[in-house]
C-alpha atoms as a PDB file:
ATOM      1  CA  MET A   1     -39.381  15.146  12.883  1.00  0.00           C
ATOM      2  CA  PHE A   2     -36.325  12.945  13.450  1.00  0.00           C
ATOM      3  CA  GLU A   3     -38.156   9.962  11.971  1.00  0.00           C
ATOM      4  CA  ALA A   4     -38.981  11.944   8.818  1.00  0.00           C
ATOM      5  CA  ILE A   5     -35.343  13.039   8.423  1.00  0.00           C
ATOM      6  CA  SER A   6     -34.156   9.467   8.985  1.00  0.00           C
ATOM      7  CA  HIS A   7     -36.586   8.166   6.354  1.00  0.00           C
ATOM      8  CA  PHE A   8     -35.490  10.839   3.881  1.00  0.00           C
ATOM      9  CA  PHE A   9     -31.832   9.979   4.542  1.00  0.00           C
ATOM     10  CA  TYR A  10     -32.598   6.302   3.938  1.00  0.00           C
ATOM     11  CA  LEU A  11     -34.460   6.852   0.649  1.00  0.00           C
ATOM     12  CA  VAL A  12     -32.217   9.541  -0.837  1.00  0.00           C
ATOM     13  CA  LEU A  13     -28.768   8.381   0.271  1.00  0.00           C
ATOM     14  CA  TYR A  14     -28.473   5.029   2.015  1.00  0.00           C
ATOM     15  CA  GLN A  15     -30.578   2.893  -0.323  1.00  0.00           C
ATOM     16  CA  PRO A  16     -29.253   4.405  -3.600  1.00  0.00           C
ATOM     17  CA  LEU A  17     -25.611   4.121  -2.452  1.00  0.00           C
ATOM     18  CA  PHE A  18     -26.115   0.532  -1.307  1.00  0.00           C
ATOM     19  CA  ASN A  19     -27.761  -0.414  -4.595  1.00  0.00           C
ATOM     20  CA  CYS A  20     -24.997   1.249  -6.626  1.00  0.00           C
ATOM     21  CA  LEU A  21     -22.408  -0.653  -4.627  1.00  0.00           C
ATOM     22  CA  VAL A  22     -24.149  -3.985  -5.252  1.00  0.00           C
ATOM     23  CA  ILE A  23     -24.509  -3.222  -8.980  1.00  0.00           C
ATOM     24  CA  LEU A  24     -20.757  -2.578  -9.211  1.00  0.00           C
ATOM     25  CA  TYR A  25     -20.056  -5.691  -7.148  1.00  0.00           C
ATOM     26  CA  ASN A  26     -22.213  -7.792  -9.512  1.00  0.00           C
ATOM     27  CA  TYR A  27     -20.492  -6.579 -12.689  1.00  0.00           C
ATOM     28  CA  ILE A  28     -16.848  -6.479 -11.573  1.00  0.00           C
ATOM     29  CA  PRO A  29     -14.985  -9.631 -12.671  1.00  0.00           C
ATOM     30  CA  GLY A  30     -14.305 -11.770  -9.623  1.00  0.00           C
ATOM     31  CA  HIS A  31     -16.833  -9.789  -7.563  1.00  0.00           C
ATOM     32  CA  ASP A  32     -14.091  -7.866  -5.765  1.00  0.00           C
ATOM     33  CA  PHE A  33     -15.864  -5.706  -3.192  1.00  0.00           C
ATOM     34  CA  GLY A  34     -12.828  -3.464  -2.758  1.00  0.00           C
ATOM     35  CA  LEU A  35     -12.792  -2.552  -6.447  1.00  0.00           C
ATOM     36  CA  ALA A  36     -16.520  -1.793  -6.191  1.00  0.00           C
ATOM     37  CA  VAL A  37     -15.793   0.595  -3.297  1.00  0.00           C
ATOM     38  CA  ILE A  38     -12.996   2.293  -5.269  1.00  0.00           C
ATOM     39  CA  ILE A  39     -15.172   2.803  -8.361  1.00  0.00           C
ATOM     40  CA  LEU A  40     -18.091   4.075  -6.253  1.00  0.00           C
ATOM     41  CA  THR A  41     -15.742   6.503  -4.490  1.00  0.00           C
ATOM     42  CA  VAL A  42     -14.470   7.921  -7.782  1.00  0.00           C
ATOM     43  CA  VAL A  43     -18.036   8.299  -9.087  1.00  0.00           C
ATOM     44  CA  ILE A  44     -19.104  10.114  -5.899  1.00  0.00           C
ATOM     45  CA  ARG A  45     -16.106  12.451  -6.036  1.00  0.00           C
ATOM     46  CA  LEU A  46     -16.780  13.254  -9.698  1.00  0.00           C
ATOM     47  CA  LEU A  47     -20.402  14.097  -8.864  1.00  0.00           C
ATOM     48  CA  LEU A  48     -19.273  16.289  -5.955  1.00  0.00           C
ATOM     49  CA  TYR A  49     -16.360  17.816  -7.884  1.00  0.00           C
ATOM     50  CA  PRO A  50     -17.984  21.288  -8.286  1.00  0.00           C
ATOM     51  CA  SER A  51     -18.639  21.492  -4.545  1.00  0.00           C
ATOM     52  CA  SER A  52     -15.169  20.320  -3.509  1.00  0.00           C
ATOM     53  CA  ALA A  53     -13.529  22.588  -6.118  1.00  0.00           C
ATOM     54  CA  LYS A  54     -15.301  25.566  -4.544  1.00  0.00           C
ATOM     55  CA  ALA A  55     -13.934  24.541  -1.148  1.00  0.00           C
ATOM     56  CA  VAL A  56     -10.365  24.356  -2.470  1.00  0.00           C
ATOM     57  CA  ASN A  57     -10.714  27.667  -4.316  1.00  0.00           C
ATOM     58  CA  SER A  58     -12.094  29.254  -1.154  1.00  0.00           C
ATOM     59  CA  GLN A  59      -9.069  28.045   0.791  1.00  0.00           C
ATOM     60  CA  LYS A  60      -6.757  29.315  -1.950  1.00  0.00           C
ATOM     61  CA  ASN A  61      -8.389  32.767  -1.932  1.00  0.00           C
ATOM     62  CA  LEU A  62      -8.139  32.965   1.838  1.00  0.00           C
ATOM     63  CA  GLN A  63      -4.447  32.155   1.658  1.00  0.00           C
ATOM     64  CA  LYS A  64      -3.874  34.843  -0.973  1.00  0.00           C
ATOM     65  CA  LEU A  65      -5.540  37.324   1.371  1.00  0.00           C
ATOM     66  CA  GLN A  66      -3.408  36.416   4.401  1.00  0.00           C
ATOM     67  CA  PRO A  67      -0.786  39.199   3.895  1.00  0.00           C
ATOM     68  CA  LYS A  68      -3.532  41.855   4.041  1.00  0.00           C
ATOM     69  CA  VAL A  69      -5.111  40.149   7.048  1.00  0.00           C
ATOM     70  CA  LYS A  70      -1.765  40.170   8.857  1.00  0.00           C
ATOM     71  CA  GLU A  71      -1.347  43.860   8.076  1.00  0.00           C
ATOM     72  CA  LEU A  72      -4.683  44.591   9.731  1.00  0.00           C
ATOM     73  CA  GLN A  73      -3.823  42.376  12.687  1.00  0.00           C
ATOM     74  CA  THR A  74      -0.610  44.323  13.174  1.00  0.00           C
ATOM     75  CA  LYS A  75      -2.226  47.720  12.617  1.00  0.00           C
ATOM     76  CA  TYR A  76      -5.052  47.138  15.100  1.00  0.00           C
ATOM     77  CA  LYS A  77      -3.281  44.763  17.495  1.00  0.00           C
ATOM     78  CA  ASP A  78      -4.347  46.916  20.447  1.00  0.00           C
ATOM     79  CA  ASP A  79      -8.006  47.105  19.387  1.00  0.00           C
ATOM     80  CA  ARG A  80      -9.408  43.628  18.855  1.00  0.00           C
ATOM     81  CA  GLU A  81     -12.911  44.868  18.071  1.00  0.00           C
ATOM     82  CA  LYS A  82     -11.646  47.257  15.386  1.00  0.00           C
ATOM     83  CA  GLN A  83      -9.379  44.526  14.046  1.00  0.00           C
ATOM     84  CA  ALA A  84     -12.288  42.098  13.657  1.00  0.00           C
ATOM     85  CA  ARG A  85     -14.436  44.719  11.895  1.00  0.00           C
ATOM     86  CA  GLU A  86     -11.659  45.624   9.462  1.00  0.00           C
ATOM     87  CA  ILE A  87     -10.929  41.994   8.630  1.00  0.00           C
ATOM     88  CA  LEU A  88     -14.616  41.296   7.993  1.00  0.00           C
ATOM     89  CA  GLU A  89     -14.775  44.407   5.820  1.00  0.00           C
ATOM     90  CA  LEU A  90     -11.762  43.132   3.877  1.00  0.00           C
ATOM     91  CA  TYR A  91     -13.517  39.813   3.263  1.00  0.00           C
ATOM     92  CA  LYS A  92     -16.621  41.701   2.147  1.00  0.00           C
ATOM     93  CA  THR A  93     -14.638  43.928  -0.214  1.00  0.00           C
ATOM     94  CA  GLU A  94     -12.834  40.944  -1.742  1.00  0.00           C
ATOM     95  CA  LYS A  95     -16.153  39.055  -1.914  1.00  0.00           C
ATOM     96  CA  ILE A  96     -14.814  36.148   0.123  1.00  0.00           C
ATOM     97  CA  ASN A  97     -16.826  34.200   2.670  1.00  0.00           C
ATOM     98  CA  PRO A  98     -14.351  32.726   5.201  1.00  0.00           C
ATOM     99  CA  PHE A  99     -16.879  30.012   6.049  1.00  0.00           C
ATOM    100  CA  SER A 100     -17.754  29.004   2.478  1.00  0.00           C
ATOM    101  CA  GLY A 101     -15.120  26.287   2.436  1.00  0.00           C
ATOM    102  CA  ILE A 102     -16.829  24.594   5.364  1.00  0.00           C
ATOM    103  CA  LEU A 103     -20.336  24.965   3.939  1.00  0.00           C
ATOM    104  CA  VAL A 104     -19.534  23.451   0.539  1.00  0.00           C
ATOM    105  CA  GLN A 105     -17.932  20.469   2.289  1.00  0.00           C
ATOM    106  CA  LEU A 106     -21.227  19.538   3.950  1.00  0.00           C
ATOM    107  CA  PRO A 107     -22.420  17.356   1.029  1.00  0.00           C
ATOM    108  CA  MET A 108     -19.241  15.259   1.307  1.00  0.00           C
ATOM    109  CA  LEU A 109     -19.745  14.894   5.056  1.00  0.00           C
ATOM    110  CA  ILE A 110     -23.348  13.765   4.564  1.00  0.00           C
ATOM    111  CA  VAL A 111     -22.266  11.202   1.958  1.00  0.00           C
ATOM    112  CA  LEU A 112     -19.545   9.973   4.331  1.00  0.00           C
ATOM    113  CA  ILE A 113     -22.162   9.397   7.047  1.00  0.00           C
ATOM    114  CA  ALA A 114     -24.341   7.493   4.557  1.00  0.00           C
ATOM    115  CA  LEU A 115     -21.409   5.323   3.474  1.00  0.00           C
ATOM    116  CA  TYR A 116     -20.555   4.640   7.100  1.00  0.00           C
ATOM    117  CA  ASN A 117     -24.038   3.165   7.502  1.00  0.00           C
ATOM    118  CA  VAL A 118     -23.705   1.224   4.235  1.00  0.00           C
ATOM    119  CA  PHE A 119     -20.398  -0.350   5.262  1.00  0.00           C
ATOM    120  CA  TRP A 120     -21.503  -0.906   8.854  1.00  0.00           C
ATOM    121  CA  ALA A 121     -24.732  -2.762   8.026  1.00  0.00           C
ATOM    122  CA  GLY A 122     -24.345  -3.604   4.340  1.00  0.00           C
ATOM    123  CA  PHE A 123     -22.636  -6.947   4.909  1.00  0.00           C
ATOM    124  CA  ASP A 124     -25.723  -8.298   6.640  1.00  0.00           C
ATOM    125  CA  PRO A 125     -27.542 -10.576   4.128  1.00  0.00           C
ATOM    126  CA  LYS A 126     -30.827  -9.055   5.301  1.00  0.00           C
ATOM    127  CA  GLN A 127     -29.790  -5.745   3.751  1.00  0.00           C
ATOM    128  CA  LEU A 128     -29.998  -7.337   0.302  1.00  0.00           C
ATOM    129  CA  GLU A 129     -33.768  -7.262   0.727  1.00  0.00           C
ATOM    130  CA  ILE A 130     -33.723  -3.485   0.101  1.00  0.00           C
ATOM    131  CA  LEU A 131     -32.298  -3.867  -3.405  1.00  0.00           C
ATOM    132  CA  TYR A 132     -34.295  -2.307  -6.211  1.00  0.00           C
ATOM    133  CA  SER A 133     -36.260  -4.702  -8.392  1.00  0.00           C
ATOM    134  CA  PHE A 134     -33.843  -4.236 -11.303  1.00  0.00           C
ATOM    135  CA  VAL A 135     -30.739  -5.035  -9.215  1.00  0.00           C
ATOM    136  CA  SER A 136     -29.639  -8.665  -9.191  1.00  0.00           C
ATOM    137  CA  ASN A 137     -29.351 -10.133  -5.696  1.00  0.00           C
ATOM    138  CA  PRO A 138     -25.876 -11.700  -5.288  1.00  0.00           C
ATOM    139  CA  GLY A 139     -27.090 -13.809  -2.356  1.00  0.00           C
ATOM    140  CA  GLN A 140     -24.203 -12.645  -0.203  1.00  0.00           C
ATOM    141  CA  ILE A 141     -21.329 -10.190  -0.464  1.00  0.00           C
ATOM    142  CA  ASN A 142     -17.741 -11.374  -0.226  1.00  0.00           C
ATOM    143  CA  PRO A 143     -16.012  -8.533   1.681  1.00  0.00           C
ATOM    144  CA  LEU A 144     -12.470  -9.413   0.569  1.00  0.00           C
ATOM    145  CA  PHE A 145     -10.356  -6.868  -1.300  1.00  0.00           C
ATOM    146  CA  LEU A 146      -7.832  -8.487  -3.649  1.00  0.00           C
ATOM    147  CA  ASN A 147      -8.382 -11.655  -1.573  1.00  0.00           C
ATOM    148  CA  LEU A 148      -6.232 -10.072   1.144  1.00  0.00           C
ATOM    149  CA  ILE A 149      -8.181  -7.579   3.265  1.00  0.00           C
ATOM    150  CA  ASN A 150     -11.575  -8.247   4.828  1.00  0.00           C
ATOM    151  CA  LEU A 151     -13.321  -4.906   4.359  1.00  0.00           C
ATOM    152  CA  SER A 152     -16.067  -5.801   6.824  1.00  0.00           C
ATOM    153  CA  LYS A 153     -13.523  -5.685   9.665  1.00  0.00           C
ATOM    154  CA  PRO A 154     -11.114  -2.987  10.903  1.00  0.00           C
ATOM    155  CA  SER A 155      -7.675  -2.857   9.278  1.00  0.00           C
ATOM    156  CA  LEU A 156      -4.712  -1.114  10.907  1.00  0.00           C
ATOM    157  CA  PHE A 157      -2.924  -1.106   7.543  1.00  0.00           C
ATOM    158  CA  LEU A 158      -5.689   0.791   5.711  1.00  0.00           C
ATOM    159  CA  ALA A 159      -6.167   3.125   8.689  1.00  0.00           C
ATOM    160  CA  ILE A 160      -2.472   4.103   8.556  1.00  0.00           C
ATOM    161  CA  ILE A 161      -2.572   4.512   4.758  1.00  0.00           C
ATOM    162  CA  ALA A 162      -5.658   6.746   5.101  1.00  0.00           C
ATOM    163  CA  GLY A 163      -3.867   8.762   7.793  1.00  0.00           C
ATOM    164  CA  ALA A 164      -0.830   9.233   5.540  1.00  0.00           C
ATOM    165  CA  VAL A 165      -3.024  10.394   2.654  1.00  0.00           C
ATOM    166  CA  GLN A 166      -4.804  12.783   5.033  1.00  0.00           C
ATOM    167  CA  TYR A 167      -1.421  14.208   6.039  1.00  0.00           C
ATOM    168  CA  PHE A 168      -0.408  15.042   2.468  1.00  0.00           C
ATOM    169  CA  GLN A 169      -3.884  16.359   1.638  1.00  0.00           C
ATOM    170  CA  THR A 170      -3.903  18.683   4.662  1.00  0.00           C
ATOM    171  CA  ARG A 171      -0.314  19.776   4.084  1.00  0.00           C
ATOM    172  CA  MET A 172      -1.179  20.876   0.547  1.00  0.00           C
ATOM    173  CA  LEU A 173      -3.950  23.086   1.907  1.00  0.00           C
ATOM    174  CA  THR A 174      -1.832  24.504   4.725  1.00  0.00           C
ATOM    175  CA  VAL A 175       0.371  27.082   3.053  1.00  0.00           C
ATOM    176  CA  VAL A 176       2.221  29.474   5.321  1.00  0.00           C
ATOM    177  CA  LYS A 177       4.213  32.041   3.405  1.00  0.00           C
ATOM    178  CA  ALA A 178       7.841  32.157   4.401  1.00  0.00           C
ATOM    179  CA  LYS A 179       9.481  35.482   5.011  1.00  0.00           C
ATOM    180  CA  ASP A 180      11.878  36.651   2.378  1.00  0.00           C
ATOM    181  CA  GLY A 181      15.367  35.728   3.415  1.00  0.00           C
ATOM    182  CA  LYS A 182      18.458  33.886   2.378  1.00  0.00           C
ATOM    183  CA  ASP A 183      17.457  30.678   4.081  1.00  0.00           C
ATOM    184  CA  GLY A 184      13.782  30.969   3.071  1.00  0.00           C
ATOM    185  CA  LYS A 185      12.667  29.745   6.485  1.00  0.00           C
ATOM    186  CA  GLU A 186       9.623  30.944   8.380  1.00  0.00           C
ATOM    187  CA  ASP A 187       9.975  33.247  11.343  1.00  0.00           C
ATOM    188  CA  LYS A 188       7.855  31.610  13.993  1.00  0.00           C
ATOM    189  CA  LYS A 189       7.455  34.906  15.813  1.00  0.00           C
ATOM    190  CA  ASP A 190       5.457  36.239  12.860  1.00  0.00           C
ATOM    191  CA  LEU A 191       2.969  33.368  12.806  1.00  0.00           C
ATOM    192  CA  ASP A 192      -0.493  34.322  14.064  1.00  0.00           C
ATOM    193  CA  PRO A 193      -2.586  31.887  16.173  1.00  0.00           C
ATOM    194  CA  ALA A 194      -4.624  30.818  13.105  1.00  0.00           C
ATOM    195  CA  SER A 195      -1.449  29.926  11.201  1.00  0.00           C
ATOM    196  CA  ILE A 196      -0.089  28.021  14.177  1.00  0.00           C
ATOM    197  CA  MET A 197      -3.348  26.085  14.432  1.00  0.00           C
ATOM    198  CA  GLN A 198      -3.201  25.282  10.688  1.00  0.00           C
ATOM    199  CA  LYS A 199       0.308  23.899  11.095  1.00  0.00           C
ATOM    200  CA  GLN A 200      -0.824  21.769  14.041  1.00  0.00           C
ATOM    201  CA  MET A 201      -3.782  20.400  12.085  1.00  0.00           C
ATOM    202  CA  VAL A 202      -1.346  18.942   9.550  1.00  0.00           C
ATOM    203  CA  PHE A 203      -0.436  16.396  12.230  1.00  0.00           C
ATOM    204  CA  ILE A 204      -3.637  16.315  14.290  1.00  0.00           C
ATOM    205  CA  LEU A 205      -5.969  15.358  11.424  1.00  0.00           C
ATOM    206  CA  PRO A 206      -3.969  12.278  10.293  1.00  0.00           C
ATOM    207  CA  VAL A 207      -3.779  10.977  13.875  1.00  0.00           C
ATOM    208  CA  PHE A 208      -7.493  11.667  14.341  1.00  0.00           C
ATOM    209  CA  THR A 209      -8.195   9.828  11.057  1.00  0.00           C
ATOM    210  CA  ILE A 210      -6.284   6.737  12.185  1.00  0.00           C
ATOM    211  CA  ILE A 211      -8.001   6.719  15.591  1.00  0.00           C
ATOM    212  CA  ILE A 212     -11.435   6.870  13.934  1.00  0.00           C
ATOM    213  CA  LEU A 213     -10.799   4.264  11.235  1.00  0.00           C
ATOM    214  CA  ILE A 214      -8.963   1.767  13.410  1.00  0.00           C
ATOM    215  CA  SER A 215     -12.263   0.605  14.930  1.00  0.00           C
ATOM    216  CA  LEU A 216     -14.509   0.817  11.848  1.00  0.00           C
ATOM    217  CA  PRO A 217     -15.006  -1.504   8.858  1.00  0.00           C
ATOM    218  CA  SER A 218     -11.934  -1.060   6.650  1.00  0.00           C
ATOM    219  CA  ALA A 219     -14.220  -0.415   3.655  1.00  0.00           C
ATOM    220  CA  LEU A 220     -14.565   3.082   5.091  1.00  0.00           C
ATOM    221  CA  GLY A 221     -10.786   3.343   5.317  1.00  0.00           C
ATOM    222  CA  LEU A 222     -10.522   2.367   1.648  1.00  0.00           C
ATOM    223  CA  TYR A 223     -13.090   5.003   0.723  1.00  0.00           C
ATOM    224  CA  TRP A 224     -11.217   7.600   2.830  1.00  0.00           C
ATOM    225  CA  THR A 225      -7.925   6.731   1.125  1.00  0.00           C
ATOM    226  CA  VAL A 226      -9.258   6.864  -2.443  1.00  0.00           C
ATOM    227  CA  SER A 227     -11.230  10.030  -1.702  1.00  0.00           C
ATOM    228  CA  GLY A 228      -8.100  11.620  -0.231  1.00  0.00           C
ATOM    229  CA  LEU A 229      -6.020  10.727  -3.288  1.00  0.00           C
ATOM    230  CA  PHE A 230      -8.729  12.254  -5.471  1.00  0.00           C
ATOM    231  CA  SER A 231      -8.590  15.430  -3.363  1.00  0.00           C
ATOM    232  CA  ILE A 232      -4.796  15.608  -3.657  1.00  0.00           C
ATOM    233  CA  ALA A 233      -5.030  15.385  -7.460  1.00  0.00           C
ATOM    234  CA  GLN A 234      -7.810  17.995  -7.489  1.00  0.00           C
ATOM    235  CA  GLN A 235      -5.875  20.360  -5.241  1.00  0.00           C
ATOM    236  CA  TYR A 236      -2.749  19.960  -7.357  1.00  0.00           C
ATOM    237  CA  ILE A 237      -4.661  20.931 -10.504  1.00  0.00           C
ATOM    238  CA  ILE A 238      -6.311  23.955  -8.848  1.00  0.00           C
ATOM    239  CA  PHE A 239      -3.208  25.248  -7.067  1.00  0.00           C
ATOM    240  CA  ARG A 240      -1.089  24.730 -10.168  1.00  0.00           C
ATOM    241  CA  SER A 241      -3.359  27.089 -12.107  1.00  0.00           C
ATOM    242  CA  THR A 242      -2.579  29.934  -9.683  1.00  0.00           C
ATOM    243  CA  LYS A 243       0.516  30.015  -7.530  1.00  0.00           C
ATOM    244  CA  ILE A 244      -0.073  31.388  -4.068  1.00  0.00           C
END
């Protein structure tokens, strides 16, 4: 079973992504591998745009529903079971699946795993043997980006940049409504555990991102950075259409 899944993963994701990367590498002037990674990232994000847009819209709808959720939490604070039923009923009435944002993100996670394998093993000259017949074999791949960063090795600089982008991306999605008041500040006493966790994730995710990328080929860090910038632009467009 596992072998069949692994073979399917190889044929449907790993090999096509690797071949696309080599095609871009062959045609980019100067054979800059970093530019090939950037272009491939943009192409992937455009293909997955409908899925990621649904995830952002799901998050936006959940945020719009938070005042009603808080009302129910306050109303049934002494009956957790009743509270949970009423909140689920609210989601059902509003036709919102609180887990849809996670589900539609699965394709991006799967692609990320495939790219991890591409960047981890793709610099081995033996991998060029899996190129399709119509793809020109470059002989070897120069992993330098702008002749400065070796994308086959870890880079603290790109890991930190990716972490910073992750911070701004997460912060855009973490909207906690401030109470009406002269100073416009939030009353921490009114924040529920979910809201507190969201605020913590703004800082936890960037640190987690840096810790992960600091030991991996920096090509993955470049992909993470470009993908994050794409997400920020996408979120800006979606949130701008409807203020929450």
